[in-house]
Amino acid sequence: MKTFPLANFTVGSGDPFFILGPCGLESEDFAWRMARSLKEIADRLEIKWVFKASYDKANRTSVDSYRGPGVEEGCRILGEIGQELGIPVTTDVHSPEEITVAAKTVDLLQIPAFLCRQTDLLAAAAKSGRPVNIKKGQFLAPWDIKPIIGKMEHFDCQHFAITERGSTFGYNNLVADMRALPWMRAQGVPVIFDATHSVQRPGGDGGTTGGDGILAPVLARCAVAAGVDGVFMEVHENPAKALSDGPNQIPLAEIENILKKLLAVHRAAHSDS
């Protein structure tokens, strides 16, 4: 199994780490509130974690949907949060040009699922000097990550993980196949499970994406029991008022209890490992 350093912990070396934060950077004040609140929870639970928020929601159902502050402003905000709070930060990147900006302040570059096979994007991420989290496309089988791994290794990048975020299942629906997790980890790379995007219903609300956020903690527990190196969960102080992906995000008031349960599941399922 490949491992790689990320801030003050190593990905793939034992207990799972968590990627937590809102879907989008709705405002600078909002991002700081969320980061500080999540840090307090993470400190109490003594977990390894990364703060996540996207500076540009480039893949929205409607042209009228909120996108974000853009790469320059967004990465400035994330960089300042990471530096002041002493936490690693991550965000989506959509082009080699954006990677040039993001790599200056962001600890973990995230490749969106729909872009996971874009060779130029993977090459730029691999050469950035930052670890990379590649989301497996909803259109790919678990074993289809092999060529993606091959590309990253071809570009001399060993510090990367693959995220499972559900597979297309008919119209406007996804399914999370827990068999995918051991199949993907068998390829020798750290695997992260994205609990909140796995419960999306793409385009399911007409002009916006719907989802079954209440099921995200259930899937997260299943993934931890199956064995993963990280868990990704989007968290919002008030999902009903979120500017993007509200139906899938976990309320901030609930995340601490959910994390406690995930830690308990990990201890129970992997106590002899």
Protein backbone atom coordinates (compact mmCIF):
# COMPACT_ATOMS: atom_id res chain seq x y z
CA MET A 1 0.00 0.00 0.00
CA LYS A 2 1.32 3.42 -0.96
CA THR A 3 1.44 6.00 1.83
CA PHE A 4 2.21 9.69 1.72
CA PRO A 5 2.68 12.56 4.19
CA LEU A 6 0.00 15.22 4.54
CA ALA A 7 0.74 18.00 7.06
CA ASN A 8 1.20 16.26 10.42
CA PHE A 9 0.00 12.76 9.54
CA THR A 10 0.49 10.03 6.95
CA VAL A 11 -2.28 8.93 4.60
CA GLY A 12 -2.67 5.16 4.35
CA SER A 13 -0.86 4.25 7.54
CA GLY A 14 -3.62 3.24 9.97
CA ASP A 15 -6.62 5.08 11.36
CA PRO A 16 -8.69 6.85 8.70
CA PHE A 17 -8.46 10.60 8.32
CA PHE A 18 -11.41 12.85 7.51
CA ILE A 19 -12.02 15.48 4.86
CA LEU A 20 -14.63 17.86 6.27
CA GLY A 21 -16.07 21.19 5.23
CA PRO A 22 -18.80 22.87 3.21
CA CYS A 23 -19.44 22.25 -0.45
CA GLY A 24 -18.63 25.80 -1.50
CA LEU A 25 -16.87 28.92 -0.24
CA GLU A 26 -20.06 30.89 0.23
CA SER A 27 -18.26 33.81 1.89
CA GLU A 28 -15.02 34.42 3.75
CA ASP A 29 -16.78 34.78 7.12
CA PHE A 30 -18.72 31.58 6.50
CA ALA A 31 -15.55 29.65 5.65
CA TRP A 32 -13.82 30.81 8.83
CA ARG A 33 -16.86 29.93 10.98
CA MET A 34 -17.01 26.44 9.53
CA ALA A 35 -13.26 25.86 9.82
CA ARG A 36 -13.09 27.03 13.43
CA SER A 37 -16.15 24.98 14.42
CA LEU A 38 -14.83 21.83 12.78
CA LYS A 39 -11.38 22.33 14.31
CA GLU A 40 -12.91 22.47 17.79
CA ILE A 41 -14.68 19.17 17.13
CA ALA A 42 -11.59 17.56 15.59
CA ASP A 43 -9.42 18.66 18.51
CA ARG A 44 -11.86 17.15 21.01
CA LEU A 45 -11.95 13.84 19.15
CA GLU A 46 -8.21 13.90 18.34
CA ILE A 47 -8.79 12.99 14.70
CA LYS A 48 -6.64 13.59 11.64
CA TRP A 49 -8.50 15.83 9.24
CA VAL A 50 -8.41 18.22 6.29
CA PHE A 51 -10.64 21.27 5.79
CA LYS A 52 -12.42 21.28 2.43
CA ALA A 53 -14.28 23.95 0.48
CA SER A 54 -14.53 24.66 -3.25
CA TYR A 55 -13.67 28.08 -4.73
CA ASP A 56 -15.58 27.28 -7.92
CA LYS A 57 -18.49 24.89 -8.31
CA ALA A 58 -17.80 24.54 -12.01
CA ASN A 59 -20.09 21.55 -12.58
CA ARG A 60 -23.54 22.90 -11.69
CA THR A 61 -26.85 21.74 -13.14
CA SER A 62 -28.01 25.27 -13.99
CA VAL A 63 -26.14 28.25 -15.41
CA ASP A 64 -27.86 30.33 -12.70
CA SER A 65 -26.42 28.28 -9.82
CA TYR A 66 -23.90 29.77 -7.37
CA ARG A 67 -20.29 28.96 -8.20
CA GLY A 68 -17.93 30.71 -5.77
CA PRO A 69 -15.29 33.43 -5.41
CA GLY A 70 -12.86 32.02 -7.99
CA VAL A 71 -9.42 30.50 -7.77
CA GLU A 72 -7.35 33.50 -6.66
CA GLU A 73 -9.67 34.68 -3.88
CA GLY A 74 -10.71 31.19 -2.86
CA CYS A 75 -7.16 29.90 -2.49
CA ARG A 76 -6.19 33.02 -0.55
CA ILE A 77 -8.99 32.31 1.94
CA LEU A 78 -8.12 28.63 2.21
CA GLY A 79 -4.42 29.34 2.59
CA GLU A 80 -5.03 31.82 5.41
CA ILE A 81 -7.36 29.40 7.18
CA GLY A 82 -4.80 26.62 6.94
CA GLN A 83 -1.96 28.78 8.16
CA GLU A 84 -3.75 30.41 11.08
CA LEU A 85 -5.56 27.29 12.33
CA GLY A 86 -2.69 24.91 11.62
CA ILE A 87 -4.76 22.53 9.49
CA PRO A 88 -4.28 21.15 5.97
CA VAL A 89 -6.77 22.38 3.37
CA THR A 90 -8.08 20.99 0.08
CA THR A 91 -10.17 22.16 -2.85
CA ASP A 92 -11.19 21.13 -6.37
CA VAL A 93 -9.04 22.18 -9.31
CA HIS A 94 -10.31 22.24 -12.88
CA SER A 95 -7.39 23.20 -15.14
CA PRO A 96 -3.58 23.22 -15.18
CA GLU A 97 -3.73 27.01 -14.81
CA GLU A 98 -5.78 26.72 -11.62
CA ILE A 99 -3.33 24.16 -10.25
CA THR A 100 -0.51 26.69 -10.62
CA VAL A 101 -2.44 29.03 -8.31
CA ALA A 102 -3.84 26.44 -5.88
CA ALA A 103 -0.54 24.63 -5.31
CA LYS A 104 0.86 27.75 -3.65
CA THR A 105 -1.52 27.54 -0.67
CA VAL A 106 -3.50 24.27 -0.81
CA ASP A 107 -2.10 21.12 0.83
CA LEU A 108 -4.12 18.52 -1.09
CA LEU A 109 -5.31 19.04 -4.68
CA GLN A 110 -8.63 17.41 -5.53
CA ILE A 111 -9.46 16.26 -9.06
CA PRO A 112 -13.25 16.28 -9.67
CA ALA A 113 -14.89 13.02 -10.70
CA PHE A 114 -15.87 14.16 -14.20
CA LEU A 115 -12.24 15.18 -14.86
CA CYS A 116 -10.53 12.10 -13.44
CA ARG A 117 -9.24 10.93 -16.84
CA GLN A 118 -8.08 14.33 -18.15
CA THR A 119 -4.43 13.61 -18.82
CA ASP A 120 -3.21 17.21 -18.90
CA LEU A 121 -4.94 17.94 -15.59
CA LEU A 122 -3.47 14.84 -13.94
CA ALA A 123 -0.03 15.72 -15.31
CA ALA A 124 -0.20 19.24 -13.89
CA ALA A 125 -1.38 17.96 -10.51
CA ALA A 126 1.31 15.29 -10.43
CA LYS A 127 4.03 17.84 -11.18
CA SER A 128 2.73 20.45 -8.72
CA GLY A 129 4.59 18.98 -5.75
CA ARG A 130 1.35 18.62 -3.80
CA PRO A 131 -0.43 15.37 -2.88
CA VAL A 132 -3.45 14.67 -5.06
CA ASN A 133 -6.89 13.21 -4.33
CA ILE A 134 -8.54 11.90 -7.50
CA LYS A 135 -12.27 11.27 -7.39
CA LYS A 136 -13.26 8.20 -9.40
CA GLY A 137 -15.84 9.11 -12.02
CA GLN A 138 -19.39 7.89 -11.52
CA PHE A 139 -19.04 6.28 -14.96
CA LEU A 140 -16.05 4.09 -14.04
CA ALA A 141 -15.88 0.59 -12.62
CA PRO A 142 -13.59 0.14 -9.59
CA TRP A 143 -10.90 -1.58 -11.64
CA ASP A 144 -10.93 1.29 -14.16
CA ILE A 145 -8.74 3.30 -11.80
CA LYS A 146 -5.73 1.28 -12.99
CA PRO A 147 -5.03 3.56 -16.00
CA ILE A 148 -5.40 6.61 -13.74
CA ILE A 149 -2.83 5.15 -11.35
CA GLY A 150 -0.63 4.44 -14.36
CA LYS A 151 -0.82 8.07 -15.48
CA MET A 152 0.13 9.40 -12.06
CA GLU A 153 3.08 7.02 -11.82
CA HIS A 154 4.13 7.92 -15.37
CA PHE A 155 4.28 11.56 -14.26
CA ASP A 156 6.44 10.53 -11.26
CA CYS A 157 3.76 11.15 -8.63
CA GLN A 158 3.54 8.68 -5.75
CA HIS A 159 1.57 10.89 -3.35
CA PHE A 160 -2.03 10.38 -4.39
CA ALA A 161 -5.26 8.73 -3.30
CA ILE A 162 -8.44 7.68 -5.11
CA THR A 163 -11.91 8.60 -3.83
CA GLU A 164 -14.98 6.43 -4.35
CA ARG A 165 -18.10 8.61 -4.64
CA GLY A 166 -20.77 6.28 -5.99
CA SER A 167 -21.59 4.92 -9.43
CA THR A 168 -24.31 5.90 -11.89
CA PHE A 169 -27.35 3.71 -11.31
CA GLY A 170 -30.02 4.42 -13.90
CA TYR A 171 -31.39 7.93 -14.25
CA ASN A 172 -30.77 10.63 -11.58
CA ASN A 173 -29.35 8.15 -9.10
CA LEU A 174 -26.12 6.73 -7.71
CA VAL A 175 -25.31 3.57 -5.82
CA ALA A 176 -22.41 3.01 -3.43
CA ASP A 177 -21.06 -0.50 -3.95
CA MET A 178 -19.00 -1.40 -0.89
CA ARG A 179 -17.23 -4.11 -2.90
CA ALA A 180 -15.51 -1.30 -4.77
CA LEU A 181 -13.50 -0.30 -1.70
CA PRO A 182 -11.41 -3.49 -1.28
CA TRP A 183 -11.15 -3.85 -5.06
CA MET A 184 -9.69 -0.33 -5.32
CA ARG A 185 -7.40 -0.70 -2.30
CA ALA A 186 -6.08 -3.95 -3.82
CA GLN A 187 -4.51 -1.76 -6.51
CA GLY A 188 -2.12 -0.49 -3.84
CA VAL A 189 -3.32 3.08 -3.36
CA PRO A 190 -5.04 4.78 -0.41
CA VAL A 191 -8.80 4.91 -0.88
CA ILE A 192 -11.16 7.56 0.47
CA PHE A 193 -14.92 7.18 0.63
CA ASP A 194 -17.05 10.23 -0.17
CA ALA A 195 -20.21 9.69 1.85
CA THR A 196 -22.10 12.84 0.91
CA HIS A 197 -21.64 12.83 -2.88
CA SER A 198 -22.52 9.13 -2.92
CA VAL A 199 -26.08 10.02 -1.87
CA GLN A 200 -26.58 12.61 -4.62
CA ARG A 201 -29.42 12.44 -7.11
CA PRO A 202 -27.77 14.26 -10.04
CA GLY A 203 -30.25 16.69 -11.60
CA GLY A 204 -32.91 15.02 -9.48
CA ASP A 205 -34.56 18.29 -8.47
CA GLY A 206 -34.89 19.61 -11.99
CA GLY A 207 -32.63 22.67 -12.03
CA THR A 208 -30.51 21.44 -9.13
CA THR A 209 -29.02 18.23 -7.80
CA GLY A 210 -31.02 16.46 -5.13
CA GLY A 211 -29.92 13.89 -2.62
CA ASP A 212 -30.55 11.76 0.44
CA GLY A 213 -28.23 13.34 2.99
CA ILE A 214 -29.78 11.35 5.81
CA LEU A 215 -28.13 8.25 4.34
CA ALA A 216 -24.59 9.68 4.23
CA PRO A 217 -23.70 8.64 7.81
CA VAL A 218 -25.05 5.14 7.11
CA LEU A 219 -22.80 4.73 4.08
CA ALA A 220 -19.85 6.21 5.96
CA ARG A 221 -20.21 3.57 8.69
CA CYS A 222 -20.34 0.82 6.07
CA ALA A 223 -17.21 2.16 4.37
CA VAL A 224 -15.25 2.40 7.62
CA ALA A 225 -16.25 -1.15 8.50
CA ALA A 226 -15.14 -2.32 5.04
CA GLY A 227 -11.81 -0.53 5.45
CA VAL A 228 -10.84 2.83 3.98
CA ASP A 229 -7.98 5.25 4.46
CA GLY A 230 -10.15 8.34 4.63
CA VAL A 231 -13.76 9.54 4.77
CA PHE A 232 -15.01 12.63 2.96
CA MET A 233 -18.13 14.37 4.28
CA GLU A 234 -19.42 17.81 3.37
CA VAL A 235 -20.72 19.69 6.39
CA HIS A 236 -22.79 22.89 6.55
CA GLU A 237 -24.09 24.97 9.44
CA ASN A 238 -27.54 25.04 7.79
CA PRO A 239 -27.83 22.70 4.79
CA ALA A 240 -31.33 23.98 3.98
CA LYS A 241 -29.77 27.37 3.14
CA ALA A 242 -26.62 26.09 1.43
CA LEU A 243 -25.83 27.68 -1.91
CA SER A 244 -24.82 24.32 -3.41
CA ASP A 245 -25.50 20.64 -2.66
CA GLY A 246 -27.66 21.40 0.36
CA PRO A 247 -29.62 18.11 0.23
CA ASN A 248 -26.42 16.07 0.64
CA GLN A 249 -24.54 17.98 3.32
CA ILE A 250 -24.46 16.97 6.99
CA PRO A 251 -25.61 19.56 9.54
CA LEU A 252 -22.73 20.90 11.61
CA ALA A 253 -24.68 20.16 14.79
CA GLU A 254 -24.65 16.42 13.94
CA ILE A 255 -21.11 15.85 12.71
CA GLU A 256 -19.42 15.28 16.07
CA ASN A 257 -21.74 12.42 16.98
CA ILE A 258 -21.33 10.93 13.51
CA LEU A 259 -17.54 11.06 13.81
CA LYS A 260 -17.69 9.37 17.23
CA LYS A 261 -19.68 6.52 15.71
CA LEU A 262 -17.25 6.18 12.82
CA LEU A 263 -14.32 5.95 15.22
CA ALA A 264 -16.16 3.30 17.24
CA VAL A 265 -16.92 1.30 14.08
CA HIS A 266 -13.26 1.48 13.04
CA ARG A 267 -12.08 0.22 16.43
CA ALA A 268 -14.60 -2.61 16.42
CA ALA A 269 -13.99 -3.69 12.84
CA HIS A 270 -10.21 -3.40 12.77
CA SER A 271 -9.08 -4.07 16.33
CA ASP A 272 -7.03 -7.10 15.24
CA SER A 273 -5.56 -5.51 12.11
